[in-house]
Protein backbone atom coordinates (compact mmCIF):
# COMPACT_ATOMS: atom_id res chain seq x y z
CA UNK A 1 5.07 2.43 15.76
CA UNK A 2 5.76 4.72 12.83
CA UNK A 3 9.19 6.23 12.18
CA UNK A 4 9.84 9.87 11.32
CA UNK A 5 13.06 11.80 10.83
CA UNK A 6 13.06 15.14 12.61
CA UNK A 7 14.56 18.38 11.37
CA UNK A 8 14.78 20.51 14.50
CA UNK A 9 15.04 24.27 14.53
CA UNK A 10 16.57 26.01 17.55
CA UNK A 11 14.52 29.17 17.04
CA UNK A 12 11.01 30.14 18.04
CA UNK A 13 8.50 29.47 15.28
CA UNK A 14 4.97 30.84 15.07
CA UNK A 15 2.68 27.89 15.72
CA UNK A 16 -1.11 27.56 15.53
CA UNK A 17 -3.12 27.42 18.74
CA UNK A 18 -3.73 23.93 20.08
CA UNK A 19 -6.42 22.58 22.34
CA UNK A 20 -3.83 21.60 24.94
CA UNK A 21 -0.12 21.89 25.62
CA UNK A 22 0.90 18.70 27.41
CA UNK A 23 4.37 18.52 28.96
CA UNK A 24 5.62 15.05 29.82
CA UNK A 25 9.04 13.61 30.78
CA UNK A 26 11.28 12.05 28.16
CA UNK A 27 13.30 9.34 29.89
CA UNK A 28 16.30 7.34 28.70
CA UNK A 29 15.37 3.71 28.07
CA UNK A 30 18.47 2.42 26.26
CA UNK A 31 21.94 3.49 25.18
CA UNK A 32 24.62 1.98 22.97
CA UNK A 33 28.09 3.39 23.70
CA UNK A 34 30.66 3.55 20.90
CA UNK A 35 34.36 4.36 21.02
CA UNK A 36 33.27 7.92 20.23
CA UNK A 37 29.66 8.90 20.77
CA UNK A 38 26.55 6.93 21.65
CA UNK A 39 23.12 6.09 20.37
CA UNK A 40 20.54 7.01 23.05
CA UNK A 41 16.86 6.09 23.06
CA UNK A 42 14.28 8.11 25.01
CA UNK A 43 10.64 7.32 25.62
CA UNK A 44 7.58 9.24 26.78
CA UNK A 45 4.03 8.02 27.35
CA UNK A 46 1.06 10.35 27.72
CA UNK A 47 -2.72 9.94 27.72
CA UNK A 48 -4.23 12.09 24.97
CA UNK A 49 -7.91 12.93 24.65
CA UNK A 50 -9.40 13.22 21.18
CA UNK A 51 -8.48 16.42 19.36
CA UNK A 52 -5.46 18.54 18.50
CA UNK A 53 -2.64 18.89 21.02
CA UNK A 54 0.96 19.90 21.33
CA UNK A 55 3.16 17.46 23.25
CA UNK A 56 6.17 19.13 24.86
CA UNK A 57 9.16 16.92 25.66
CA UNK A 58 12.23 18.23 27.56
CA UNK A 59 15.02 17.78 25.05
CA UNK A 60 18.56 19.12 25.39
CA UNK A 61 20.41 19.83 22.15
CA UNK A 62 23.86 19.76 23.80
CA UNK A 63 25.97 17.07 22.19
CA UNK A 64 23.64 17.14 19.17
CA UNK A 65 25.36 16.38 15.89
CA UNK A 66 24.26 16.69 12.29
CA UNK A 67 22.33 13.42 12.25
CA UNK A 68 18.68 14.28 12.97
CA UNK A 69 16.96 12.31 15.74
CA UNK A 70 14.45 9.65 14.81
CA UNK A 71 10.93 9.70 16.27
CA UNK A 72 8.62 6.71 16.64
CA UNK A 73 4.97 7.28 17.56
CA UNK A 74 2.29 4.80 18.50
CA UNK A 75 -0.66 3.95 16.28
CA UNK A 76 -3.59 6.32 16.32
CA UNK A 77 -1.46 9.47 16.58
CA UNK A 78 -1.06 11.79 13.59
CA UNK A 79 2.04 13.97 13.72
CA UNK A 80 2.05 17.55 12.42
CA UNK A 81 4.76 20.16 12.90
CA UNK A 82 7.76 19.34 15.07
CA UNK A 83 9.82 22.22 16.45
CA UNK A 84 12.47 22.87 19.07
CA UNK A 85 11.74 25.62 21.58
CA UNK A 86 14.87 27.10 23.10
CA UNK A 87 15.31 28.21 26.75
CA UNK A 88 11.76 27.56 27.97
CA UNK A 89 10.64 27.60 31.62
CA UNK A 90 8.37 24.69 32.53
CA UNK A 91 7.00 23.01 35.65
CA UNK A 92 9.70 20.70 36.97
CA UNK A 93 7.47 19.07 39.61
CA UNK A 94 4.97 17.90 36.99
CA UNK A 95 7.70 15.87 35.28
CA UNK A 96 9.35 14.22 38.27
CA UNK A 97 9.29 10.45 38.65
CA UNK A 98 8.27 9.10 42.09
CA UNK A 99 11.94 8.60 43.02
CA UNK A 100 12.85 12.10 41.84
CA UNK A 101 9.89 13.59 43.73
CA UNK A 102 10.98 11.88 46.97
CA UNK A 103 14.54 13.11 46.47
CA UNK A 104 13.32 16.66 45.92
CA UNK A 105 11.20 16.48 49.09
CA UNK A 106 14.35 15.46 50.96
CA UNK A 107 16.19 18.49 49.53
CA UNK A 108 13.40 20.86 50.57
CA UNK A 109 13.23 19.30 54.04
CA UNK A 110 16.99 19.80 54.44
CA UNK A 111 16.64 23.45 53.41
CA UNK A 112 13.78 23.98 55.90
CA UNK A 113 15.88 22.41 58.68
CA UNK A 114 18.74 24.79 57.88
CA UNK A 115 16.40 27.80 57.94
CA UNK A 116 15.00 26.77 61.34
CA UNK A 117 18.50 26.24 62.73
CA UNK A 118 19.66 29.60 61.38
CA UNK A 119 16.73 31.24 63.22
CA UNK A 120 17.77 29.55 66.47
CA UNK A 121 21.38 30.65 65.97
CA UNK A 122 20.36 34.24 65.31
CA UNK A 123 18.16 34.24 68.43
CA UNK A 124 21.10 33.14 70.58
CA UNK A 125 23.35 35.77 69.00
CA UNK A 126 20.78 38.49 69.73
CA UNK A 127 20.56 37.33 73.33
CA UNK A 128 24.35 37.70 73.57
CA UNK A 129 24.04 41.24 72.21
CA UNK A 130 21.41 41.96 74.90
CA UNK A 131 23.81 40.72 77.57
CA UNK A 132 26.50 43.03 76.22
CA UNK A 133 24.06 45.93 76.45
CA UNK A 134 23.22 45.01 80.04
CA UNK A 135 26.90 44.69 80.94
CA UNK A 136 27.59 48.10 79.43
CA UNK A 137 24.87 49.63 81.58
CA UNK A 138 26.25 48.04 84.76
CA UNK A 139 29.74 49.31 83.94
CA UNK A 140 28.37 52.81 83.45
CA UNK A 141 27.29 53.08 87.09
CA UNK A 142 29.71 55.46 88.79
CA UNK A 143 30.17 55.40 92.55
CA UNK A 144 30.68 59.15 92.65
CA UNK A 145 27.07 59.57 91.58
CA UNK A 146 25.96 57.90 94.81
CA UNK A 147 27.58 60.41 97.16
CA UNK A 148 24.24 61.49 98.63
CA UNK A 149 22.89 57.94 99.10
CA UNK A 150 22.90 56.37 102.54
CA UNK A 151 25.23 53.40 103.14
CA UNK A 152 22.37 50.89 103.13
CA UNK A 153 21.29 51.99 99.66
CA UNK A 154 24.88 51.83 98.40
CA UNK A 155 25.33 48.33 99.79
CA UNK A 156 22.02 47.20 98.28
CA UNK A 157 22.94 48.64 94.90
CA UNK A 158 26.41 47.06 95.03
CA UNK A 159 24.86 43.71 95.90
CA UNK A 160 22.42 44.05 93.00
CA UNK A 161 25.18 44.92 90.55
CA UNK A 162 27.25 41.94 91.68
CA UNK A 163 24.32 39.53 91.42
CA UNK A 164 23.40 40.83 87.97
CA UNK A 165 27.01 40.57 86.83
CA UNK A 166 27.32 36.99 88.09
CA UNK A 167 24.03 36.03 86.48
CA UNK A 168 25.16 37.68 83.24
CA UNK A 169 28.42 35.71 83.24
CA UNK A 170 26.58 32.41 83.80
CA UNK A 171 24.05 33.24 81.11
CA UNK A 172 26.82 34.23 78.67
CA UNK A 173 28.64 30.94 79.19
CA UNK A 174 25.38 29.09 78.59
CA UNK A 175 24.57 31.07 75.43
CA UNK A 176 28.09 30.71 74.04
CA UNK A 177 27.84 26.94 74.46
CA UNK A 178 24.45 26.98 72.74
CA UNK A 179 25.96 29.01 69.90
CA UNK A 180 28.80 26.51 69.44
CA UNK A 181 26.36 23.60 69.48
CA UNK A 182 24.03 25.29 67.01
CA UNK A 183 26.88 26.15 64.64
CA UNK A 184 27.99 22.51 64.66
CA UNK A 185 24.44 21.36 64.00
CA UNK A 186 24.19 23.90 61.19
CA UNK A 187 27.36 22.53 59.57
CA UNK A 188 25.92 19.01 59.81
CA UNK A 189 22.66 20.19 58.25
CA UNK A 190 24.55 21.83 55.38
CA UNK A 191 26.33 18.50 54.82
CA UNK A 192 22.92 16.79 54.81
CA UNK A 193 21.66 19.29 52.24
CA UNK A 194 24.69 18.73 50.01
CA UNK A 195 24.12 14.98 50.15
CA UNK A 196 20.40 15.35 49.42
CA UNK A 197 21.16 17.60 46.44
CA UNK A 198 23.76 15.12 45.19
CA UNK A 199 21.28 12.25 45.36
CA UNK A 200 18.64 14.35 43.61
CA UNK A 201 21.09 15.33 40.85
CA UNK A 202 22.09 11.66 40.35
CA UNK A 203 18.50 10.94 39.30
CA UNK A 204 18.87 13.46 36.42
CA UNK A 205 15.66 15.38 37.13
CA UNK A 206 14.26 17.72 34.47
CA UNK A 207 15.79 21.14 34.96
CA UNK A 208 12.59 23.19 34.70
CA UNK A 209 14.46 25.42 32.23
CA UNK A 210 15.83 24.54 28.84
CA UNK A 211 14.86 23.17 25.46
CA UNK A 212 11.57 21.52 24.58
CA UNK A 213 10.67 19.41 21.57
CA UNK A 214 7.20 20.58 20.54
CA UNK A 215 5.22 17.94 18.63
CA UNK A 216 1.79 18.85 17.28
CA UNK A 217 -0.49 15.82 17.20
CA UNK A 218 -4.01 14.91 16.19
CA UNK A 219 -5.94 11.97 17.67
CA UNK A 220 -9.47 10.98 16.73
CA UNK A 221 -10.13 8.93 19.88
CA UNK A 222 -8.57 8.97 23.36
CA UNK A 223 -5.29 7.07 23.30
CA UNK A 224 -2.29 6.30 25.51
CA UNK A 225 0.34 7.63 23.13
CA UNK A 226 4.00 6.74 23.24
CA UNK A 227 6.83 8.76 21.73
CA UNK A 228 10.26 7.23 21.25
CA UNK A 229 13.19 9.43 20.26
CA UNK A 230 16.56 8.03 19.15
CA UNK A 231 19.57 10.30 18.71
CA UNK A 232 23.33 10.17 18.40
CA UNK A 233 25.25 12.13 21.03
CA UNK A 234 28.91 13.08 20.93
CA UNK A 235 29.79 13.31 24.64
CA UNK A 236 30.02 9.59 25.42
CA UNK A 237 32.70 6.98 24.76
CA UNK A 238 34.29 3.78 25.94
CA UNK A 239 37.88 2.61 25.99
CA UNK A 240 39.96 -0.34 27.15
CA UNK A 241 42.29 -0.01 30.13
CA UNK A 242 44.88 -2.47 31.46
CA UNK A 243 46.30 -3.15 34.92
CA UNK A 244 49.75 -4.83 35.02
CA UNK A 245 50.88 -6.40 38.31
CA UNK A 246 54.41 -7.77 38.54
CA UNK A 247 55.18 -10.11 41.46
CA UNK A 248 58.62 -11.18 42.73
CA UNK A 249 59.86 -13.87 45.07
CA UNK A 250 59.63 -17.62 44.78
CA UNK A 251 56.76 -17.48 42.30
CA UNK A 252 57.36 -14.42 40.11
CA UNK A 253 54.89 -13.56 37.44
CA UNK A 254 52.97 -10.92 35.55
CA UNK A 255 49.20 -10.53 35.90
CA UNK A 256 47.30 -8.51 33.31
CA UNK A 257 43.74 -7.35 33.90
CA UNK A 258 41.74 -5.75 31.13
CA UNK A 259 38.95 -3.31 31.94
CA UNK A 260 36.44 -1.34 29.94
CA UNK A 261 36.06 2.32 30.92
CA UNK A 262 32.74 3.94 29.97
CA UNK A 263 32.38 7.72 30.14
CA UNK A 264 29.48 10.02 29.36
CA UNK A 265 28.67 13.65 29.91
CA UNK A 266 25.11 13.80 28.63
CA UNK A 267 23.60 14.72 32.01
CA UNK A 268 21.41 11.62 31.85
CA UNK A 269 21.52 8.95 34.55
């Protein structure tokens, strides 16, 4: 592979038209953590047909310091202009690894389950509103309005009102229980969604919005091209930590355990 030092610009630059724009994921393959900062290596592989192309690699400049990243490209690939495109929208799904794609499917399934449960909950709530409307109508019936009705009609109407009221009470109790059950299920589904989103985020999927490294390339024959980017980031470090345990009694002593604490805030898994 050939090495190149990159000078990146965080502004849009007028570029010539290329035969193809090819967006491909840039994944972390190695990292060396220092007491302050880290050296991180990324790698992308893409099949290129013969011709001129522009390879677009998701590349976040956060944590970027004044040392330019180093790019290695495989044989058979001629590099032209290299630019950094800021705040670009791109297709996230096209860049997902199989594990990331499965995790995203789980997130979408959890969202669909919540939507379906919300529909059920709203249906039950509307049925409760309908019962309230019915109860209001029954309460509006005034005995004085039946002064001209014969006793048999009054008794029949009274019986009907009582039966409807009893049925309404039973139905209300049933719907209220359904509403409580559905709300509990909805809380559980929201917990499931939060867990699915957490697992998806742990895989550090491409955001679908952000910076892109745009590399113009020329290949004379079809080639499986690899691009390796090495950079120094600031938001990573390691330190030493100690645990001291003092014991008393018949066999007093002091136990010291040394640990290494590694921290990073690069957003990369």
